[in-house]
Amino acid sequence: QDDKILFLGGLNTGAGRKYDDFSDMGRGFAMITAAALDARHPDLSLRFANAAQLGDNSQIMMESMNERCIEQKPNVVIIFAGHQDAILAEQHHEQATLKGYSKNYLIRTLLIRCQFTNTCFAY
């Protein structure tokens, strides 16, 4: 009831949003997911914030975690990420694999930081 859900990610999550307005869901994954959750659970009075930005990878998300995530005081953080990291790996002639990404220090740090703020997460 009255939980605040924050979206974190890159282009697919923050498509079309105004980056200075966390309440702007944009036209991507965050908007679609927020609308679906609202429709399915109208009795929960959910609140949503979108901290996603074009080009964000796990390094950028970690560096801006306090400013764009923790200060918003969400109860739940949904992280939709990985594609930008894979693109960067390919540009450096590295192979991006699911196994490698799941061991990614930066993503694991993001998740740990969410846990220490009593925030649930999904990725």
Protein backbone atom coordinates (compact mmCIF):
# COMPACT_ATOMS: atom_id res chain seq x y z
CA GLN A 1 0.00 0.00 0.00
CA ASP A 2 1.37 3.40 -1.02
CA ASP A 3 4.73 1.94 -2.07
CA LYS A 4 7.09 3.95 -4.26
CA ILE A 5 8.55 2.00 -7.16
CA LEU A 6 11.63 3.42 -8.87
CA PHE A 7 12.85 2.36 -12.32
CA LEU A 8 16.55 2.36 -13.11
CA GLY A 9 18.02 1.58 -16.52
CA GLY A 10 18.94 3.03 -19.87
CA LEU A 11 17.19 3.90 -23.12
CA ASN A 12 14.49 1.21 -23.00
CA THR A 13 13.49 2.24 -19.49
CA GLY A 14 13.75 6.01 -19.83
CA ALA A 15 12.75 6.52 -23.46
CA GLY A 16 11.27 9.96 -23.95
CA ARG A 17 11.37 11.09 -20.33
CA LYS A 18 12.44 14.51 -19.05
CA TYR A 19 15.55 13.75 -17.02
CA ASP A 20 14.92 16.48 -14.44
CA ASP A 21 11.46 15.07 -13.61
CA PHE A 22 11.46 11.72 -11.78
CA SER A 23 7.66 11.50 -12.08
CA ASP A 24 7.91 11.44 -15.90
CA MET A 25 7.58 7.78 -16.88
CA GLY A 26 8.57 8.45 -20.51
CA ARG A 27 7.37 6.10 -23.26
CA GLY A 28 9.37 2.93 -22.55
CA PHE A 29 9.54 0.03 -20.15
CA ALA A 30 8.86 2.18 -17.05
CA MET A 31 5.67 3.67 -18.49
CA ILE A 32 4.36 0.31 -19.71
CA THR A 33 5.16 -1.44 -16.42
CA ALA A 34 3.74 1.37 -14.24
CA ALA A 35 0.51 1.39 -16.26
CA ALA A 36 0.20 -2.40 -16.01
CA LEU A 37 0.81 -2.39 -12.24
CA ASP A 38 -1.71 0.43 -11.72
CA ALA A 39 -4.32 -1.39 -13.80
CA ARG A 40 -3.78 -4.70 -12.02
CA HIS A 41 -3.58 -3.25 -8.48
CA PRO A 42 -5.63 -0.02 -8.32
CA ASP A 43 -6.23 -0.60 -4.60
CA LEU A 44 -2.52 -0.29 -3.72
CA SER A 45 -2.07 3.45 -4.48
CA LEU A 46 1.36 2.81 -5.98
CA ARG A 47 3.66 5.75 -6.71
CA PHE A 48 6.29 5.62 -9.44
CA ALA A 49 9.58 7.37 -10.18
CA ASN A 50 11.82 6.94 -13.21
CA ALA A 51 15.56 7.54 -12.85
CA ALA A 52 16.55 5.93 -16.15
CA GLN A 53 18.63 7.85 -18.68
CA LEU A 54 19.71 7.27 -22.25
CA GLY A 55 23.08 5.51 -22.43
CA ASP A 56 23.23 4.43 -18.79
CA ASN A 57 25.32 1.37 -18.11
CA SER A 58 26.00 -0.28 -14.76
CA GLN A 59 28.99 2.02 -14.07
CA ILE A 60 26.91 5.19 -14.56
CA MET A 61 24.04 3.76 -12.52
CA MET A 62 26.36 2.95 -9.63
CA GLU A 63 28.01 6.38 -9.72
CA SER A 64 24.65 8.16 -9.66
CA MET A 65 22.90 5.79 -7.26
CA ASN A 66 22.61 8.28 -4.37
CA GLU A 67 21.42 11.18 -6.50
CA ARG A 68 19.00 9.33 -8.73
CA CYS A 69 17.86 6.44 -6.60
CA ILE A 70 18.43 6.45 -2.86
CA GLU A 71 17.38 10.09 -2.41
CA GLN A 72 14.02 9.18 -3.98
CA LYS A 73 13.42 6.80 -1.03
CA PRO A 74 11.79 4.00 -3.03
CA ASN A 75 10.40 0.84 -1.45
CA VAL A 76 11.10 -1.11 -4.63
CA VAL A 77 13.72 -0.61 -7.36
CA ILE A 78 13.26 -2.25 -10.75
CA ILE A 79 16.52 -2.42 -12.70
CA PHE A 80 16.21 -3.05 -16.43
CA ALA A 81 19.81 -2.99 -17.57
CA GLY A 82 22.53 -4.89 -19.34
CA HIS A 83 22.08 -4.00 -22.98
CA GLN A 84 24.33 -0.92 -22.75
CA ASP A 85 27.01 -2.95 -20.97
CA ALA A 86 26.84 -5.56 -23.75
CA ILE A 87 27.18 -2.88 -26.42
CA LEU A 88 30.24 -1.42 -24.68
CA ALA A 89 31.80 -4.88 -24.32
CA GLU A 90 31.31 -5.52 -28.04
CA GLN A 91 32.89 -2.18 -28.90
CA HIS A 92 35.97 -3.29 -26.93
CA HIS A 93 35.98 -6.64 -28.76
CA GLU A 94 34.92 -8.52 -25.65
CA GLN A 95 32.20 -11.12 -25.42
CA ALA A 96 29.23 -10.17 -23.27
CA THR A 97 27.62 -13.24 -21.69
CA LEU A 98 24.80 -13.65 -19.22
CA LYS A 99 27.16 -15.51 -16.87
CA GLY A 100 29.68 -12.69 -17.01
CA TYR A 101 27.04 -10.04 -16.54
CA SER A 102 25.48 -11.77 -13.55
CA LYS A 103 28.93 -11.66 -11.90
CA ASN A 104 29.33 -7.98 -12.83
CA TYR A 105 30.74 -6.21 -9.79
CA LEU A 106 28.89 -3.00 -10.56
CA ILE A 107 25.47 -4.62 -10.83
CA ARG A 108 26.07 -6.61 -7.65
CA THR A 109 27.09 -3.38 -5.90
CA LEU A 110 23.88 -1.70 -7.09
CA LEU A 111 21.84 -4.52 -5.65
CA ILE A 112 23.71 -4.51 -2.34
CA ARG A 113 23.27 -0.75 -2.00
CA CYS A 114 19.55 -1.19 -2.57
CA GLN A 115 19.41 -3.88 0.11
CA PHE A 116 21.18 -1.69 2.67
CA THR A 117 18.52 0.97 2.24
CA ASN A 118 15.75 -1.55 2.98
CA THR A 119 14.70 -1.47 -0.65
CA CYS A 120 13.43 -4.47 -2.57
CA PHE A 121 14.74 -4.92 -6.09
CA ALA A 122 14.01 -6.78 -9.27
CA TYR A 123 16.27 -7.14 -12.29
